[in-house]
C-alpha atoms as a PDB file:
ATOM      1  CA  UNK A   1       0.000   0.000   0.000  1.00  0.00           C
ATOM      2  CA  UNK A   2       1.076   3.552  -0.693  1.00  0.00           C
ATOM      3  CA  UNK A   3       0.226   6.891   0.839  1.00  0.00           C
ATOM      4  CA  UNK A   4      -1.680   9.470  -1.247  1.00  0.00           C
ATOM      5  CA  UNK A   5       1.480  11.442  -2.140  1.00  0.00           C
ATOM      6  CA  UNK A   6       3.387   8.342  -3.312  1.00  0.00           C
ATOM      7  CA  UNK A   7       0.357   7.076  -5.247  1.00  0.00           C
ATOM      8  CA  UNK A   8       0.212  10.380  -7.151  1.00  0.00           C
ATOM      9  CA  UNK A   9       3.979  10.334  -7.785  1.00  0.00           C
ATOM     10  CA  UNK A  10       3.663   6.843  -9.310  1.00  0.00           C
ATOM     11  CA  UNK A  11       0.599   7.678 -11.421  1.00  0.00           C
ATOM     12  CA  UNK A  12       2.232  10.888 -12.717  1.00  0.00           C
ATOM     13  CA  UNK A  13       5.393   8.875 -13.534  1.00  0.00           C
ATOM     14  CA  UNK A  14       7.533  11.027 -11.208  1.00  0.00           C
ATOM     15  CA  UNK A  15       8.400   7.917  -9.172  1.00  0.00           C
ATOM     16  CA  UNK A  16       9.700   4.906 -11.098  1.00  0.00           C
ATOM     17  CA  UNK A  17      12.082   3.383  -8.524  1.00  0.00           C
ATOM     18  CA  UNK A  18      11.706   2.353  -4.882  1.00  0.00           C
ATOM     19  CA  UNK A  19      14.362   1.451  -2.352  1.00  0.00           C
ATOM     20  CA  UNK A  20      13.554  -0.391   0.829  1.00  0.00           C
ATOM     21  CA  UNK A  21      15.644  -1.205   3.839  1.00  0.00           C
ATOM     22  CA  UNK A  22      16.865  -4.782   3.832  1.00  0.00           C
ATOM     23  CA  UNK A  23      15.021  -6.217   6.829  1.00  0.00           C
ATOM     24  CA  UNK A  24      15.433  -9.762   8.016  1.00  0.00           C
ATOM     25  CA  UNK A  25      12.276 -11.768   7.440  1.00  0.00           C
ATOM     26  CA  UNK A  26      10.833  -9.392   4.850  1.00  0.00           C
ATOM     27  CA  UNK A  27       9.858 -10.998   1.568  1.00  0.00           C
ATOM     28  CA  UNK A  28      12.006  -9.730  -1.299  1.00  0.00           C
ATOM     29  CA  UNK A  29      10.368  -8.180  -4.343  1.00  0.00           C
ATOM     30  CA  UNK A  30      10.043 -10.663  -7.181  1.00  0.00           C
ATOM     31  CA  UNK A  31      10.919  -9.422 -10.693  1.00  0.00           C
ATOM     32  CA  UNK A  32       7.991  -9.913 -13.063  1.00  0.00           C
ATOM     33  CA  UNK A  33       5.387  -9.672 -10.301  1.00  0.00           C
ATOM     34  CA  UNK A  34       2.669  -7.002 -10.460  1.00  0.00           C
ATOM     35  CA  UNK A  35       1.333  -5.116  -7.438  1.00  0.00           C
ATOM     36  CA  UNK A  36      -1.844  -3.058  -7.185  1.00  0.00           C
ATOM     37  CA  UNK A  37      -1.563   0.635  -6.329  1.00  0.00           C
ATOM     38  CA  UNK A  38      -3.772   1.080  -3.240  1.00  0.00           C
ATOM     39  CA  UNK A  39      -3.721   3.634  -0.430  1.00  0.00           C
ATOM     40  CA  UNK A  40      -5.756   1.722   2.129  1.00  0.00           C
ATOM     41  CA  UNK A  41      -7.550  -1.565   2.601  1.00  0.00           C
ATOM     42  CA  UNK A  42     -10.611  -0.560   0.561  1.00  0.00           C
ATOM     43  CA  UNK A  43     -11.138  -2.308  -2.785  1.00  0.00           C
ATOM     44  CA  UNK A  44     -10.250   0.838  -4.802  1.00  0.00           C
ATOM     45  CA  UNK A  45      -7.225   0.217  -7.051  1.00  0.00           C
ATOM     46  CA  UNK A  46      -5.480   3.101  -8.846  1.00  0.00           C
ATOM     47  CA  UNK A  47      -3.333   1.030 -11.194  1.00  0.00           C
ATOM     48  CA  UNK A  48      -0.527  -1.499 -11.093  1.00  0.00           C
ATOM     49  CA  UNK A  49       3.227  -1.464 -10.823  1.00  0.00           C
ATOM     50  CA  UNK A  50       5.530  -4.068 -12.324  1.00  0.00           C
ATOM     51  CA  UNK A  51       8.669  -5.178 -10.471  1.00  0.00           C
ATOM     52  CA  UNK A  52      11.448  -5.145 -13.082  1.00  0.00           C
ATOM     53  CA  UNK A  53      14.510  -5.725 -10.897  1.00  0.00           C
ATOM     54  CA  UNK A  54      15.453  -6.354  -7.298  1.00  0.00           C
ATOM     55  CA  UNK A  55      18.988  -6.123  -5.930  1.00  0.00           C
ATOM     56  CA  UNK A  56      20.910  -4.972  -2.879  1.00  0.00           C
ATOM     57  CA  UNK A  57      22.582  -1.584  -3.120  1.00  0.00           C
ATOM     58  CA  UNK A  58      24.013   0.674  -0.406  1.00  0.00           C
ATOM     59  CA  UNK A  59      21.988   3.849   0.089  1.00  0.00           C
ATOM     60  CA  UNK A  60      25.267   5.786  -0.022  1.00  0.00           C
ATOM     61  CA  UNK A  61      25.472   4.982  -3.754  1.00  0.00           C
ATOM     62  CA  UNK A  62      22.247   6.887  -4.530  1.00  0.00           C
ATOM     63  CA  UNK A  63      22.838   9.414  -7.344  1.00  0.00           C
ATOM     64  CA  UNK A  64      20.843  12.589  -8.055  1.00  0.00           C
ATOM     65  CA  UNK A  65      19.247  10.917 -11.086  1.00  0.00           C
ATOM     66  CA  UNK A  66      18.215   7.899  -9.009  1.00  0.00           C
ATOM     67  CA  UNK A  67      16.789  10.273  -6.393  1.00  0.00           C
ATOM     68  CA  UNK A  68      14.606  11.861  -9.078  1.00  0.00           C
ATOM     69  CA  UNK A  69      13.389   8.385 -10.107  1.00  0.00           C
ATOM     70  CA  UNK A  70      12.439   7.879  -6.450  1.00  0.00           C
ATOM     71  CA  UNK A  71      10.186  10.923  -6.757  1.00  0.00           C
ATOM     72  CA  UNK A  72      12.428  13.502  -5.058  1.00  0.00           C
ATOM     73  CA  UNK A  73      13.362  16.826  -6.630  1.00  0.00           C
ATOM     74  CA  UNK A  74      16.825  18.419  -6.671  1.00  0.00           C
ATOM     75  CA  UNK A  75      16.347  20.433  -3.489  1.00  0.00           C
END
């Protein structure tokens, strides 16, 4: 599930990448799998996202371009 801001960033194609902390016990994203864009547990679906890749990468390697793909601006 996404919050309203993130949902809008995805729909407007401002957010095309997501990083998550590597937590023990958390299921990894599976390339090729689709997920519904929802903001709560109601049945309303705003679209779908497709997982294209999943790999470990240190947050310290985040570039400005990758930050923009995450939905952040330059400021």
